[in-house]
């Protein structure tokens, strides 16, 4: 007899890990490069990074819905690939991205990375500590000194 909290697995059926994400818009090489870019924008620290939060998948789905966005990102990723981005060490990658920080490509990737991260479970709960069931008796707003007054 099973308890209400238990469930039965079919005998002989091995547990399977979820299949890795298959990009719907980007080619695999583009998707890999995109993941490297997003991880530089929000790296893994004591909290999950962009890859952990599924940001590359979020961006792939967004590009599947917008041909204009997809074309912009595909072009930018092509330019990074032509400069050897994938084979660079992290400091050279960061320097290259800093050099294109004002480009429409980088602005779009940065915005999508932030949106994808902070709407994910990892971004909301682990990074921000958000809990939808929390009652706040008061909200003080931003407490950074540079944002006061």
C-alpha atoms as a PDB file:
ATOM      1  CA  UNK A   1       0.000   0.000   0.000  1.00  0.00           C
ATOM      2  CA  UNK A   2       1.364   3.416  -0.978  1.00  0.00           C
ATOM      3  CA  UNK A   3       1.247   6.522   1.133  1.00  0.00           C
ATOM      4  CA  UNK A   4      -0.194   9.661  -0.443  1.00  0.00           C
ATOM      5  CA  UNK A   5       3.362  11.027  -0.845  1.00  0.00           C
ATOM      6  CA  UNK A   6       4.708   7.950  -2.650  1.00  0.00           C
ATOM      7  CA  UNK A   7       4.492   7.057  -6.288  1.00  0.00           C
ATOM      8  CA  UNK A   8       5.366   3.928  -8.151  1.00  0.00           C
ATOM      9  CA  UNK A   9       8.013   3.639 -10.879  1.00  0.00           C
ATOM     10  CA  UNK A  10       7.559   0.936 -13.486  1.00  0.00           C
ATOM     11  CA  UNK A  11       9.833  -2.016 -12.773  1.00  0.00           C
ATOM     12  CA  UNK A  12      12.831  -2.285 -15.030  1.00  0.00           C
ATOM     13  CA  UNK A  13      12.497   1.231 -16.402  1.00  0.00           C
ATOM     14  CA  UNK A  14      15.732   3.101 -15.666  1.00  0.00           C
ATOM     15  CA  UNK A  15      15.586   6.681 -14.539  1.00  0.00           C
ATOM     16  CA  UNK A  16      16.646   8.966 -17.356  1.00  0.00           C
ATOM     17  CA  UNK A  17      18.281  12.343 -17.150  1.00  0.00           C
ATOM     18  CA  UNK A  18      16.604  15.156 -19.005  1.00  0.00           C
ATOM     19  CA  UNK A  19      17.862  15.569 -22.547  1.00  0.00           C
ATOM     20  CA  UNK A  20      20.174  18.516 -23.127  1.00  0.00           C
ATOM     21  CA  UNK A  21      18.540  21.548 -24.658  1.00  0.00           C
ATOM     22  CA  UNK A  22      18.477  21.507 -28.455  1.00  0.00           C
ATOM     23  CA  UNK A  23      18.551  25.069 -29.813  1.00  0.00           C
ATOM     24  CA  UNK A  24      15.643  25.958 -32.058  1.00  0.00           C
ATOM     25  CA  UNK A  25      17.109  29.102 -33.627  1.00  0.00           C
ATOM     26  CA  UNK A  26      20.887  29.009 -33.261  1.00  0.00           C
ATOM     27  CA  UNK A  27      23.262  26.431 -34.690  1.00  0.00           C
ATOM     28  CA  UNK A  28      25.130  24.495 -32.004  1.00  0.00           C
ATOM     29  CA  UNK A  29      28.368  26.474 -32.482  1.00  0.00           C
ATOM     30  CA  UNK A  30      26.469  29.778 -32.226  1.00  0.00           C
ATOM     31  CA  UNK A  31      24.605  28.535 -29.167  1.00  0.00           C
ATOM     32  CA  UNK A  32      27.870  27.533 -27.482  1.00  0.00           C
ATOM     33  CA  UNK A  33      29.350  30.959 -28.205  1.00  0.00           C
ATOM     34  CA  UNK A  34      26.192  32.630 -26.902  1.00  0.00           C
ATOM     35  CA  UNK A  35      26.498  30.629 -23.663  1.00  0.00           C
ATOM     36  CA  UNK A  36      30.095  31.823 -23.229  1.00  0.00           C
ATOM     37  CA  UNK A  37      29.012  35.454 -23.698  1.00  0.00           C
ATOM     38  CA  UNK A  38      26.132  35.209 -21.225  1.00  0.00           C
ATOM     39  CA  UNK A  39      28.359  33.551 -18.629  1.00  0.00           C
ATOM     40  CA  UNK A  40      30.779  36.487 -18.861  1.00  0.00           C
ATOM     41  CA  UNK A  41      27.890  38.872 -18.259  1.00  0.00           C
ATOM     42  CA  UNK A  42      26.562  36.936 -15.236  1.00  0.00           C
ATOM     43  CA  UNK A  43      29.221  34.437 -14.121  1.00  0.00           C
ATOM     44  CA  UNK A  44      28.788  31.651 -11.601  1.00  0.00           C
ATOM     45  CA  UNK A  45      29.967  32.826  -8.178  1.00  0.00           C
ATOM     46  CA  UNK A  46      28.445  31.772  -4.887  1.00  0.00           C
ATOM     47  CA  UNK A  47      25.181  31.904  -6.820  1.00  0.00           C
ATOM     48  CA  UNK A  48      24.341  30.313 -10.179  1.00  0.00           C
ATOM     49  CA  UNK A  49      25.552  31.933 -13.378  1.00  0.00           C
ATOM     50  CA  UNK A  50      23.703  32.627 -16.620  1.00  0.00           C
ATOM     51  CA  UNK A  51      24.230  29.116 -17.964  1.00  0.00           C
ATOM     52  CA  UNK A  52      22.961  27.552 -14.723  1.00  0.00           C
ATOM     53  CA  UNK A  53      19.831  29.711 -14.962  1.00  0.00           C
ATOM     54  CA  UNK A  54      19.087  28.663 -18.548  1.00  0.00           C
ATOM     55  CA  UNK A  55      19.748  32.097 -20.045  1.00  0.00           C
ATOM     56  CA  UNK A  56      21.107  30.795 -23.384  1.00  0.00           C
ATOM     57  CA  UNK A  57      17.898  28.769 -23.814  1.00  0.00           C
ATOM     58  CA  UNK A  58      15.838  31.861 -22.924  1.00  0.00           C
ATOM     59  CA  UNK A  59      17.637  33.882 -25.620  1.00  0.00           C
ATOM     60  CA  UNK A  60      17.312  31.086 -28.179  1.00  0.00           C
ATOM     61  CA  UNK A  61      13.548  31.002 -27.637  1.00  0.00           C
ATOM     62  CA  UNK A  62      13.353  34.825 -27.905  1.00  0.00           C
ATOM     63  CA  UNK A  63      15.229  34.728 -31.218  1.00  0.00           C
ATOM     64  CA  UNK A  64      12.896  32.016 -32.485  1.00  0.00           C
ATOM     65  CA  UNK A  65      10.034  34.490 -32.048  1.00  0.00           C
ATOM     66  CA  UNK A  66      11.776  37.541 -33.560  1.00  0.00           C
ATOM     67  CA  UNK A  67      13.627  37.277 -36.851  1.00  0.00           C
ATOM     68  CA  UNK A  68      15.032  40.811 -36.411  1.00  0.00           C
ATOM     69  CA  UNK A  69      16.501  39.992 -32.998  1.00  0.00           C
ATOM     70  CA  UNK A  70      17.764  36.643 -34.222  1.00  0.00           C
ATOM     71  CA  UNK A  71      19.508  38.219 -37.217  1.00  0.00           C
ATOM     72  CA  UNK A  72      21.175  40.842 -35.001  1.00  0.00           C
ATOM     73  CA  UNK A  73      22.479  38.243 -32.568  1.00  0.00           C
ATOM     74  CA  UNK A  74      23.536  35.809 -35.276  1.00  0.00           C
ATOM     75  CA  UNK A  75      25.550  38.560 -36.984  1.00  0.00           C
ATOM     76  CA  UNK A  76      27.220  39.597 -33.724  1.00  0.00           C
ATOM     77  CA  UNK A  77      28.058  36.013 -32.801  1.00  0.00           C
ATOM     78  CA  UNK A  78      29.561  35.572 -36.267  1.00  0.00           C
ATOM     79  CA  UNK A  79      31.798  38.580 -35.688  1.00  0.00           C
ATOM     80  CA  UNK A  80      32.927  37.185 -32.322  1.00  0.00           C
ATOM     81  CA  UNK A  81      33.622  33.808 -33.918  1.00  0.00           C
ATOM     82  CA  UNK A  82      35.703  35.430 -36.662  1.00  0.00           C
ATOM     83  CA  UNK A  83      37.865  37.066 -33.970  1.00  0.00           C
ATOM     84  CA  UNK A  84      38.516  33.704 -32.283  1.00  0.00           C
ATOM     85  CA  UNK A  85      36.378  34.415 -29.206  1.00  0.00           C
ATOM     86  CA  UNK A  86      35.841  30.732 -28.359  1.00  0.00           C
ATOM     87  CA  UNK A  87      39.585  30.061 -28.117  1.00  0.00           C
ATOM     88  CA  UNK A  88      40.445  33.118 -26.009  1.00  0.00           C
ATOM     89  CA  UNK A  89      41.057  33.080 -22.286  1.00  0.00           C
ATOM     90  CA  UNK A  90      38.495  34.807 -20.084  1.00  0.00           C
ATOM     91  CA  UNK A  91      40.371  38.113 -19.751  1.00  0.00           C
ATOM     92  CA  UNK A  92      40.705  38.472 -23.545  1.00  0.00           C
ATOM     93  CA  UNK A  93      37.031  37.610 -23.996  1.00  0.00           C
ATOM     94  CA  UNK A  94      36.063  40.250 -21.435  1.00  0.00           C
ATOM     95  CA  UNK A  95      38.289  42.841 -23.148  1.00  0.00           C
ATOM     96  CA  UNK A  96      36.717  42.066 -26.519  1.00  0.00           C
ATOM     97  CA  UNK A  97      33.202  42.445 -25.094  1.00  0.00           C
ATOM     98  CA  UNK A  98      34.177  45.691 -23.388  1.00  0.00           C
ATOM     99  CA  UNK A  99      35.281  47.009 -26.775  1.00  0.00           C
ATOM    100  CA  UNK A 100      31.838  46.337 -28.283  1.00  0.00           C
ATOM    101  CA  UNK A 101      29.796  47.366 -25.241  1.00  0.00           C
ATOM    102  CA  UNK A 102      27.977  50.099 -27.182  1.00  0.00           C
ATOM    103  CA  UNK A 103      27.068  47.878 -30.135  1.00  0.00           C
ATOM    104  CA  UNK A 104      23.429  46.907 -30.783  1.00  0.00           C
ATOM    105  CA  UNK A 105      24.499  43.246 -30.575  1.00  0.00           C
ATOM    106  CA  UNK A 106      26.018  43.507 -27.113  1.00  0.00           C
ATOM    107  CA  UNK A 107      23.229  45.708 -25.755  1.00  0.00           C
ATOM    108  CA  UNK A 108      20.663  43.136 -26.901  1.00  0.00           C
ATOM    109  CA  UNK A 109      22.583  40.185 -25.444  1.00  0.00           C
ATOM    110  CA  UNK A 110      23.157  42.008 -22.161  1.00  0.00           C
ATOM    111  CA  UNK A 111      19.488  43.002 -21.830  1.00  0.00           C
ATOM    112  CA  UNK A 112      18.304  39.486 -22.668  1.00  0.00           C
ATOM    113  CA  UNK A 113      20.812  37.966 -20.250  1.00  0.00           C
ATOM    114  CA  UNK A 114      19.584  40.161 -17.414  1.00  0.00           C
ATOM    115  CA  UNK A 115      15.923  39.537 -18.263  1.00  0.00           C
ATOM    116  CA  UNK A 116      16.445  35.786 -18.574  1.00  0.00           C
ATOM    117  CA  UNK A 117      18.489  35.521 -15.392  1.00  0.00           C
ATOM    118  CA  UNK A 118      16.284  37.574 -13.122  1.00  0.00           C
ATOM    119  CA  UNK A 119      13.105  35.870 -14.292  1.00  0.00           C
ATOM    120  CA  UNK A 120      14.573  32.414 -13.663  1.00  0.00           C
ATOM    121  CA  UNK A 121      14.264  30.468 -10.433  1.00  0.00           C
ATOM    122  CA  UNK A 122      18.024  30.799  -9.875  1.00  0.00           C
ATOM    123  CA  UNK A 123      17.984  34.562 -10.338  1.00  0.00           C
ATOM    124  CA  UNK A 124      14.869  35.189  -8.301  1.00  0.00           C
ATOM    125  CA  UNK A 125      15.371  32.852  -5.378  1.00  0.00           C
ATOM    126  CA  UNK A 126      19.102  32.200  -5.103  1.00  0.00           C
ATOM    127  CA  UNK A 127      20.468  35.567  -6.232  1.00  0.00           C
ATOM    128  CA  UNK A 128      17.742  37.915  -4.986  1.00  0.00           C
ATOM    129  CA  UNK A 129      16.399  35.752  -2.161  1.00  0.00           C
ATOM    130  CA  UNK A 130      12.845  36.347  -3.373  1.00  0.00           C
ATOM    131  CA  UNK A 131      10.079  34.375  -1.749  1.00  0.00           C
ATOM    132  CA  UNK A 132       6.592  35.129  -2.988  1.00  0.00           C
ATOM    133  CA  UNK A 133       5.069  34.155   0.336  1.00  0.00           C
ATOM    134  CA  UNK A 134       6.964  36.730   2.387  1.00  0.00           C
ATOM    135  CA  UNK A 135       5.103  39.505   4.125  1.00  0.00           C
ATOM    136  CA  UNK A 136       6.986  42.790   4.412  1.00  0.00           C
ATOM    137  CA  UNK A 137       5.780  45.151   7.101  1.00  0.00           C
ATOM    138  CA  UNK A 138       7.765  47.920   5.428  1.00  0.00           C
ATOM    139  CA  UNK A 139       9.727  48.416   2.193  1.00  0.00           C
ATOM    140  CA  UNK A 140      12.605  50.862   2.480  1.00  0.00           C
ATOM    141  CA  UNK A 141      13.439  50.881  -1.243  1.00  0.00           C
ATOM    142  CA  UNK A 142      16.970  51.227  -2.515  1.00  0.00           C
ATOM    143  CA  UNK A 143      19.508  51.733   0.262  1.00  0.00           C
ATOM    144  CA  UNK A 144      22.580  52.461  -1.896  1.00  0.00           C
ATOM    145  CA  UNK A 145      24.001  55.849  -0.828  1.00  0.00           C
ATOM    146  CA  UNK A 146      24.459  56.990  -4.457  1.00  0.00           C
ATOM    147  CA  UNK A 147      20.724  56.569  -5.063  1.00  0.00           C
ATOM    148  CA  UNK A 148      19.597  58.611  -2.092  1.00  0.00           C
ATOM    149  CA  UNK A 149      18.335  62.167  -2.084  1.00  0.00           C
END
